[in-house]
Amino acid sequence: LLRWSARPAERFMWTAVSLTAISLVPHVS
């Protein structure tokens, strides 16, 4: 993201939140 994104910090935050949410799907389901 640092290399290819104009806003790496914002993109990293959204990526981390999204991956965390995906990791919780099996437990919630």
PDB file of all heavy atoms in Angstrom:
ATOM      1  N   LEU A   1       0.824  -1.206   0.000  1.00  0.00           N
ATOM      2  CA  LEU A   1       0.000   0.000   0.000  1.00  0.00           C
ATOM      3  C   LEU A   1       0.862   1.262   0.000  1.00  0.00           C
ATOM      4  O   LEU A   1       0.500   2.256  -0.637  1.00  0.00           O
ATOM      5  CB  LEU A   1      -0.948  -0.006   1.196  1.00  0.00           C
ATOM      6  CG  LEU A   1      -2.068  -1.049   1.128  1.00  0.00           C
ATOM      7  CD1 LEU A   1      -2.851  -1.086   2.429  1.00  0.00           C
ATOM      8  CD2 LEU A   1      -2.995  -0.771  -0.037  1.00  0.00           C
ATOM      9  N   LEU A   2       1.984   1.226   0.705  1.00  0.00           N
ATOM     10  CA  LEU A   2       2.891   2.373   0.690  1.00  0.00           C
ATOM     11  C   LEU A   2       3.421   2.619  -0.715  1.00  0.00           C
ATOM     12  O   LEU A   2       3.564   3.756  -1.153  1.00  0.00           O
ATOM     13  CB  LEU A   2       4.063   2.136   1.655  1.00  0.00           C
ATOM     14  CG  LEU A   2       5.071   3.278   1.779  1.00  0.00           C
ATOM     15  CD1 LEU A   2       4.410   4.507   2.398  1.00  0.00           C
ATOM     16  CD2 LEU A   2       6.262   2.839   2.618  1.00  0.00           C
ATOM     17  N   ARG A   3       3.654   1.552  -1.420  1.00  0.00           N
ATOM     18  CA  ARG A   3       4.209   1.657  -2.781  1.00  0.00           C
ATOM     19  C   ARG A   3       3.156   2.100  -3.797  1.00  0.00           C
ATOM     20  O   ARG A   3       3.420   2.920  -4.653  1.00  0.00           O
ATOM     21  CB  ARG A   3       4.808   0.299  -3.179  1.00  0.00           C
ATOM     22  CG  ARG A   3       5.218   0.156  -4.622  1.00  0.00           C
ATOM     23  CD  ARG A   3       6.429   1.034  -4.951  1.00  0.00           C
ATOM     24  NE  ARG A   3       6.868   0.832  -6.314  1.00  0.00           N
ATOM     25  CZ  ARG A   3       6.512   1.601  -7.330  1.00  0.00           C
ATOM     26  NH1 ARG A   3       5.701   2.606  -7.146  1.00  0.00           N
ATOM     27  NH2 ARG A   3       6.971   1.364  -8.539  1.00  0.00           N
ATOM     28  N   TRP A   4       1.946   1.533  -3.727  1.00  0.00           N
ATOM     29  CA  TRP A   4       0.979   1.722  -4.808  1.00  0.00           C
ATOM     30  C   TRP A   4      -0.274   2.519  -4.447  1.00  0.00           C
ATOM     31  O   TRP A   4      -1.152   2.667  -5.282  1.00  0.00           O
ATOM     32  CB  TRP A   4       0.565   0.361  -5.363  1.00  0.00           C
ATOM     33  CG  TRP A   4       1.678  -0.292  -6.121  1.00  0.00           C
ATOM     34  CD1 TRP A   4       2.301   0.177  -7.243  1.00  0.00           C
ATOM     35  CD2 TRP A   4       2.301  -1.529  -5.820  1.00  0.00           C
ATOM     36  NE1 TRP A   4       3.278  -0.696  -7.648  1.00  0.00           N
ATOM     37  CE2 TRP A   4       3.293  -1.758  -6.792  1.00  0.00           C
ATOM     38  CE3 TRP A   4       2.127  -2.490  -4.817  1.00  0.00           C
ATOM     39  CZ2 TRP A   4       4.106  -2.879  -6.787  1.00  0.00           C
ATOM     40  CZ3 TRP A   4       2.936  -3.604  -4.816  1.00  0.00           C
ATOM     41  CH2 TRP A   4       3.914  -3.793  -5.793  1.00  0.00           C
ATOM     42  N   SER A   5      -0.397   2.995  -3.244  1.00  0.00           N
ATOM     43  CA  SER A   5      -1.602   3.728  -2.872  1.00  0.00           C
ATOM     44  C   SER A   5      -1.279   5.194  -2.596  1.00  0.00           C
ATOM     45  O   SER A   5      -0.222   5.514  -2.041  1.00  0.00           O
ATOM     46  CB  SER A   5      -2.231   3.102  -1.619  1.00  0.00           C
ATOM     47  OG  SER A   5      -3.354   3.855  -1.207  1.00  0.00           O
ATOM     48  N   ALA A   6      -2.210   6.050  -2.959  1.00  0.00           N
ATOM     49  CA  ALA A   6      -2.043   7.477  -2.677  1.00  0.00           C
ATOM     50  C   ALA A   6      -2.292   7.772  -1.199  1.00  0.00           C
ATOM     51  O   ALA A   6      -1.762   8.739  -0.657  1.00  0.00           O
ATOM     52  CB  ALA A   6      -3.001   8.295  -3.534  1.00  0.00           C
ATOM     53  N   ARG A   7      -3.107   6.942  -0.548  1.00  0.00           N
ATOM     54  CA  ARG A   7      -3.420   7.113   0.875  1.00  0.00           C
ATOM     55  C   ARG A   7      -3.198   5.781   1.597  1.00  0.00           C
ATOM     56  O   ARG A   7      -4.153   5.086   1.957  1.00  0.00           O
ATOM     57  CB  ARG A   7      -4.861   7.569   1.037  1.00  0.00           C
ATOM     58  CG  ARG A   7      -5.128   8.920   0.393  1.00  0.00           C
ATOM     59  CD  ARG A   7      -6.555   9.309   0.553  1.00  0.00           C
ATOM     60  NE  ARG A   7      -7.424   8.233   0.053  1.00  0.00           N
ATOM     61  CZ  ARG A   7      -8.577   8.424  -0.528  1.00  0.00           C
ATOM     62  NH1 ARG A   7      -9.025   9.625  -0.675  1.00  0.00           N
ATOM     63  NH2 ARG A   7      -9.293   7.415  -0.951  1.00  0.00           N
ATOM     64  N   PRO A   8      -1.943   5.382   1.833  1.00  0.00           N
ATOM     65  CA  PRO A   8      -1.659   4.058   2.376  1.00  0.00           C
ATOM     66  C   PRO A   8      -2.213   3.825   3.780  1.00  0.00           C
ATOM     67  O   PRO A   8      -2.693   2.724   4.068  1.00  0.00           O
ATOM     68  CB  PRO A   8      -0.138   3.965   2.358  1.00  0.00           C
ATOM     69  CG  PRO A   8       0.354   5.361   2.250  1.00  0.00           C
ATOM     70  CD  PRO A   8      -0.716   6.132   1.563  1.00  0.00           C
ATOM     71  N   ALA A   9      -2.188   4.813   4.649  1.00  0.00           N
ATOM     72  CA  ALA A   9      -2.672   4.610   6.020  1.00  0.00           C
ATOM     73  C   ALA A   9      -4.177   4.331   6.035  1.00  0.00           C
ATOM     74  O   ALA A   9      -4.651   3.419   6.723  1.00  0.00           O
ATOM     75  CB  ALA A   9      -2.347   5.827   6.884  1.00  0.00           C
ATOM     76  N   GLU A  10      -4.915   5.106   5.259  1.00  0.00           N
ATOM     77  CA  GLU A  10      -6.369   4.911   5.189  1.00  0.00           C
ATOM     78  C   GLU A  10      -6.704   3.553   4.565  1.00  0.00           C
ATOM     79  O   GLU A  10      -7.569   2.818   5.060  1.00  0.00           O
ATOM     80  CB  GLU A  10      -7.008   6.026   4.373  1.00  0.00           C
ATOM     81  CG  GLU A  10      -8.509   5.929   4.280  1.00  0.00           C
ATOM     82  CD  GLU A  10      -9.108   7.052   3.439  1.00  0.00           C
ATOM     83  OE1 GLU A  10      -8.451   8.091   3.227  1.00  0.00           O
ATOM     84  OE2 GLU A  10     -10.253   6.869   2.980  1.00  0.00           O
ATOM     85  N   ARG A  11      -6.019   3.206   3.501  1.00  0.00           N
ATOM     86  CA  ARG A  11      -6.257   1.912   2.845  1.00  0.00           C
ATOM     87  C   ARG A  11      -5.888   0.746   3.757  1.00  0.00           C
ATOM     88  O   ARG A  11      -6.567  -0.275   3.781  1.00  0.00           O
ATOM     89  CB  ARG A  11      -5.461   1.811   1.543  1.00  0.00           C
ATOM     90  CG  ARG A  11      -5.847   2.818   0.520  1.00  0.00           C
ATOM     91  CD  ARG A  11      -7.167   2.471  -0.120  1.00  0.00           C
ATOM     92  NE  ARG A  11      -7.445   3.421  -1.176  1.00  0.00           N
ATOM     93  CZ  ARG A  11      -8.610   4.021  -1.331  1.00  0.00           C
ATOM     94  NH1 ARG A  11      -9.604   3.742  -0.526  1.00  0.00           N
ATOM     95  NH2 ARG A  11      -8.790   4.875  -2.303  1.00  0.00           N
ATOM     96  N   PHE A  12      -4.806   0.893   4.522  1.00  0.00           N
ATOM     97  CA  PHE A  12      -4.413  -0.176   5.439  1.00  0.00           C
ATOM     98  C   PHE A  12      -5.476  -0.378   6.515  1.00  0.00           C
ATOM     99  O   PHE A  12      -5.813  -1.507   6.865  1.00  0.00           O
ATOM    100  CB  PHE A  12      -3.053   0.107   6.094  1.00  0.00           C
ATOM    101  CG  PHE A  12      -2.584  -1.020   6.962  1.00  0.00           C
ATOM    102  CD1 PHE A  12      -1.940  -2.107   6.406  1.00  0.00           C
ATOM    103  CD2 PHE A  12      -2.805  -1.016   8.328  1.00  0.00           C
ATOM    104  CE1 PHE A  12      -1.525  -3.168   7.185  1.00  0.00           C
ATOM    105  CE2 PHE A  12      -2.397  -2.070   9.119  1.00  0.00           C
ATOM    106  CZ  PHE A  12      -1.752  -3.147   8.546  1.00  0.00           C
ATOM    107  N   MET A  13      -5.999   0.730   7.046  1.00  0.00           N
ATOM    108  CA  MET A  13      -7.032   0.623   8.079  1.00  0.00           C
ATOM    109  C   MET A  13      -8.257  -0.113   7.545  1.00  0.00           C
ATOM    110  O   MET A  13      -8.764  -1.027   8.188  1.00  0.00           O
ATOM    111  CB  MET A  13      -7.422   2.023   8.578  1.00  0.00           C
ATOM    112  CG  MET A  13      -8.242   1.994   9.840  1.00  0.00           C
ATOM    113  SD  MET A  13     -10.006   2.391   9.743  1.00  0.00           S
ATOM    114  CE  MET A  13     -10.201   3.523   8.462  1.00  0.00           C
ATOM    115  N   TRP A  14      -8.707   0.256   6.347  1.00  0.00           N
ATOM    116  CA  TRP A  14      -9.875  -0.409   5.776  1.00  0.00           C
ATOM    117  C   TRP A  14      -9.585  -1.876   5.446  1.00  0.00           C
ATOM    118  O   TRP A  14     -10.441  -2.745   5.621  1.00  0.00           O
ATOM    119  CB  TRP A  14     -10.361   0.329   4.530  1.00  0.00           C
ATOM    120  CG  TRP A  14     -11.160   1.544   4.904  1.00  0.00           C
ATOM    121  CD1 TRP A  14     -10.789   2.838   4.746  1.00  0.00           C
ATOM    122  CD2 TRP A  14     -12.441   1.564   5.536  1.00  0.00           C
ATOM    123  NE1 TRP A  14     -11.770   3.671   5.241  1.00  0.00           N
ATOM    124  CE2 TRP A  14     -12.804   2.906   5.735  1.00  0.00           C
ATOM    125  CE3 TRP A  14     -13.321   0.572   5.964  1.00  0.00           C
ATOM    126  CZ2 TRP A  14     -13.989   3.295   6.322  1.00  0.00           C
ATOM    127  CZ3 TRP A  14     -14.518   0.964   6.553  1.00  0.00           C
ATOM    128  CH2 TRP A  14     -14.834   2.306   6.726  1.00  0.00           C
ATOM    129  N   THR A  15      -8.379  -2.166   5.002  1.00  0.00           N
ATOM    130  CA  THR A  15      -8.001  -3.552   4.716  1.00  0.00           C
ATOM    131  C   THR A  15      -7.982  -4.373   5.991  1.00  0.00           C
ATOM    132  O   THR A  15      -8.503  -5.497   6.032  1.00  0.00           O
ATOM    133  CB  THR A  15      -6.618  -3.599   4.032  1.00  0.00           C
ATOM    134  OG1 THR A  15      -6.674  -2.829   2.832  1.00  0.00           O
ATOM    135  CG2 THR A  15      -6.201  -5.014   3.709  1.00  0.00           C
ATOM    136  N   ALA A  16      -7.397  -3.828   7.051  1.00  0.00           N
ATOM    137  CA  ALA A  16      -7.332  -4.550   8.332  1.00  0.00           C
ATOM    138  C   ALA A  16      -8.719  -4.789   8.908  1.00  0.00           C
ATOM    139  O   ALA A  16      -9.022  -5.895   9.383  1.00  0.00           O
ATOM    140  CB  ALA A  16      -6.468  -3.766   9.319  1.00  0.00           C
ATOM    141  N   VAL A  17      -9.577  -3.788   8.859  1.00  0.00           N
ATOM    142  CA  VAL A  17     -10.945  -3.948   9.367  1.00  0.00           C
ATOM    143  C   VAL A  17     -11.701  -4.991   8.544  1.00  0.00           C
ATOM    144  O   VAL A  17     -12.391  -5.856   9.098  1.00  0.00           O
ATOM    145  CB  VAL A  17     -11.691  -2.589   9.371  1.00  0.00           C
ATOM    146  CG1 VAL A  17     -13.178  -2.771   9.623  1.00  0.00           C
ATOM    147  CG2 VAL A  17     -11.083  -1.666  10.420  1.00  0.00           C
ATOM    148  N   SER A  18     -11.557  -4.939   7.234  1.00  0.00           N
ATOM    149  CA  SER A  18     -12.242  -5.901   6.360  1.00  0.00           C
ATOM    150  C   SER A  18     -11.765  -7.325   6.612  1.00  0.00           C
ATOM    151  O   SER A  18     -12.572  -8.258   6.718  1.00  0.00           O
ATOM    152  CB  SER A  18     -12.020  -5.546   4.887  1.00  0.00           C
ATOM    153  OG  SER A  18     -12.514  -4.275   4.615  1.00  0.00           O
ATOM    154  N   LEU A  19     -10.455  -7.522   6.713  1.00  0.00           N
ATOM    155  CA  LEU A  19      -9.928  -8.868   6.954  1.00  0.00           C
ATOM    156  C   LEU A  19     -10.320  -9.386   8.332  1.00  0.00           C
ATOM    157  O   LEU A  19     -10.596 -10.575   8.501  1.00  0.00           O
ATOM    158  CB  LEU A  19      -8.405  -8.880   6.778  1.00  0.00           C
ATOM    159  CG  LEU A  19      -7.911  -8.686   5.351  1.00  0.00           C
ATOM    160  CD1 LEU A  19      -6.398  -8.561   5.324  1.00  0.00           C
ATOM    161  CD2 LEU A  19      -8.384  -9.817   4.449  1.00  0.00           C
ATOM    162  N   THR A  20     -10.385  -8.493   9.323  1.00  0.00           N
ATOM    163  CA  THR A  20     -10.843  -8.898  10.653  1.00  0.00           C
ATOM    164  C   THR A  20     -12.305  -9.327  10.600  1.00  0.00           C
ATOM    165  O   THR A  20     -12.679 -10.352  11.179  1.00  0.00           O
ATOM    166  CB  THR A  20     -10.651  -7.753  11.666  1.00  0.00           C
ATOM    167  OG1 THR A  20      -9.268  -7.408  11.703  1.00  0.00           O
ATOM    168  CG2 THR A  20     -11.116  -8.157  13.050  1.00  0.00           C
ATOM    169  N   ALA A  21     -13.129  -8.572   9.912  1.00  0.00           N
ATOM    170  CA  ALA A  21     -14.548  -8.931   9.781  1.00  0.00           C
ATOM    171  C   ALA A  21     -14.710 -10.275   9.078  1.00  0.00           C
ATOM    172  O   ALA A  21     -15.509 -11.119   9.502  1.00  0.00           O
ATOM    173  CB  ALA A  21     -15.297  -7.840   9.029  1.00  0.00           C
ATOM    174  N   ILE A  22     -13.932 -10.486   8.021  1.00  0.00           N
ATOM    175  CA  ILE A  22     -14.006 -11.773   7.306  1.00  0.00           C
ATOM    176  C   ILE A  22     -13.581 -12.918   8.211  1.00  0.00           C
ATOM    177  O   ILE A  22     -14.164 -14.005   8.171  1.00  0.00           O
ATOM    178  CB  ILE A  22     -13.140 -11.709   6.021  1.00  0.00           C
ATOM    179  CG1 ILE A  22     -13.791 -10.774   5.004  1.00  0.00           C
ATOM    180  CG2 ILE A  22     -12.930 -13.093   5.429  1.00  0.00           C
ATOM    181  CD1 ILE A  22     -12.895 -10.435   3.824  1.00  0.00           C
ATOM    182  N   SER A  23     -12.588 -12.692   9.047  1.00  0.00           N
ATOM    183  CA  SER A  23     -12.115 -13.764   9.935  1.00  0.00           C
ATOM    184  C   SER A  23     -13.156 -14.132  10.993  1.00  0.00           C
ATOM    185  O   SER A  23     -13.121 -15.233  11.539  1.00  0.00           O
ATOM    186  CB  SER A  23     -10.812 -13.365  10.617  1.00  0.00           C
ATOM    187  OG  SER A  23     -11.036 -12.426  11.652  1.00  0.00           O
ATOM    188  N   LEU A  24     -14.072 -13.228  11.288  1.00  0.00           N
ATOM    189  CA  LEU A  24     -15.106 -13.501  12.292  1.00  0.00           C
ATOM    190  C   LEU A  24     -16.325 -14.206  11.716  1.00  0.00           C
ATOM    191  O   LEU A  24     -17.148 -14.720  12.467  1.00  0.00           O
ATOM    192  CB  LEU A  24     -15.540 -12.195  12.963  1.00  0.00           C
ATOM    193  CG  LEU A  24     -14.461 -11.476  13.765  1.00  0.00           C
ATOM    194  CD1 LEU A  24     -14.986 -10.137  14.260  1.00  0.00           C
ATOM    195  CD2 LEU A  24     -13.962 -12.320  14.912  1.00  0.00           C
ATOM    196  N   VAL A  25     -16.460 -14.249  10.393  1.00  0.00           N
ATOM    197  CA  VAL A  25     -17.637 -14.841   9.755  1.00  0.00           C
ATOM    198  C   VAL A  25     -17.890 -16.284  10.203  1.00  0.00           C
ATOM    199  O   VAL A  25     -19.015 -16.620  10.562  1.00  0.00           O
ATOM    200  CB  VAL A  25     -17.562 -14.724   8.217  1.00  0.00           C
ATOM    201  CG1 VAL A  25     -18.609 -15.578   7.531  1.00  0.00           C
ATOM    202  CG2 VAL A  25     -17.709 -13.277   7.811  1.00  0.00           C
ATOM    203  N   PRO A  26     -16.895 -17.178  10.219  1.00  0.00           N
ATOM    204  CA  PRO A  26     -17.190 -18.557  10.644  1.00  0.00           C
ATOM    205  C   PRO A  26     -17.732 -18.626  12.075  1.00  0.00           C
ATOM    206  O   PRO A  26     -18.608 -19.436  12.372  1.00  0.00           O
ATOM    207  CB  PRO A  26     -15.840 -19.271  10.544  1.00  0.00           C
ATOM    208  CG  PRO A  26     -15.056 -18.479   9.585  1.00  0.00           C
ATOM    209  CD  PRO A  26     -15.511 -17.057   9.757  1.00  0.00           C
ATOM    210  N   HIS A  27     -17.243 -17.761  12.969  1.00  0.00           N
ATOM    211  CA  HIS A  27     -17.699 -17.794  14.354  1.00  0.00           C
ATOM    212  C   HIS A  27     -19.120 -17.268  14.494  1.00  0.00           C
ATOM    213  O   HIS A  27     -19.909 -17.791  15.265  1.00  0.00           O
ATOM    214  CB  HIS A  27     -16.751 -16.983  15.238  1.00  0.00           C
ATOM    215  CG  HIS A  27     -15.334 -17.433  15.138  1.00  0.00           C
ATOM    216  ND1 HIS A  27     -14.914 -18.639  15.646  1.00  0.00           N
ATOM    217  CD2 HIS A  27     -14.252 -16.866  14.565  1.00  0.00           C
ATOM    218  CE1 HIS A  27     -13.626 -18.786  15.399  1.00  0.00           C
ATOM    219  NE2 HIS A  27     -13.197 -17.726  14.739  1.00  0.00           N
ATOM    220  N   VAL A  28     -19.439 -16.244  13.745  1.00  0.00           N
ATOM    221  CA  VAL A  28     -20.769 -15.650  13.816  1.00  0.00           C
ATOM    222  C   VAL A  28     -21.789 -16.545  13.121  1.00  0.00           C
ATOM    223  O   VAL A  28     -22.932 -16.653  13.557  1.00  0.00           O
ATOM    224  CB  VAL A  28     -20.755 -14.237  13.180  1.00  0.00           C
ATOM    225  CG1 VAL A  28     -22.149 -13.668  13.077  1.00  0.00           C
ATOM    226  CG2 VAL A  28     -19.859 -13.315  13.977  1.00  0.00           C
ATOM    227  N   SER A  29     -21.370 -17.235  12.061  1.00  0.00           N
ATOM    228  CA  SER A  29     -22.308 -18.040  11.302  1.00  0.00           C
ATOM    229  C   SER A  29     -22.671 -19.353  11.999  1.00  0.00           C
ATOM    230  O   SER A  29     -23.657 -19.979  11.627  1.00  0.00           O
ATOM    231  CB  SER A  29     -21.759 -18.332   9.908  1.00  0.00           C
ATOM    232  OG  SER A  29     -20.613 -19.147   9.993  1.00  0.00           O
TER     233      SER A  29
END
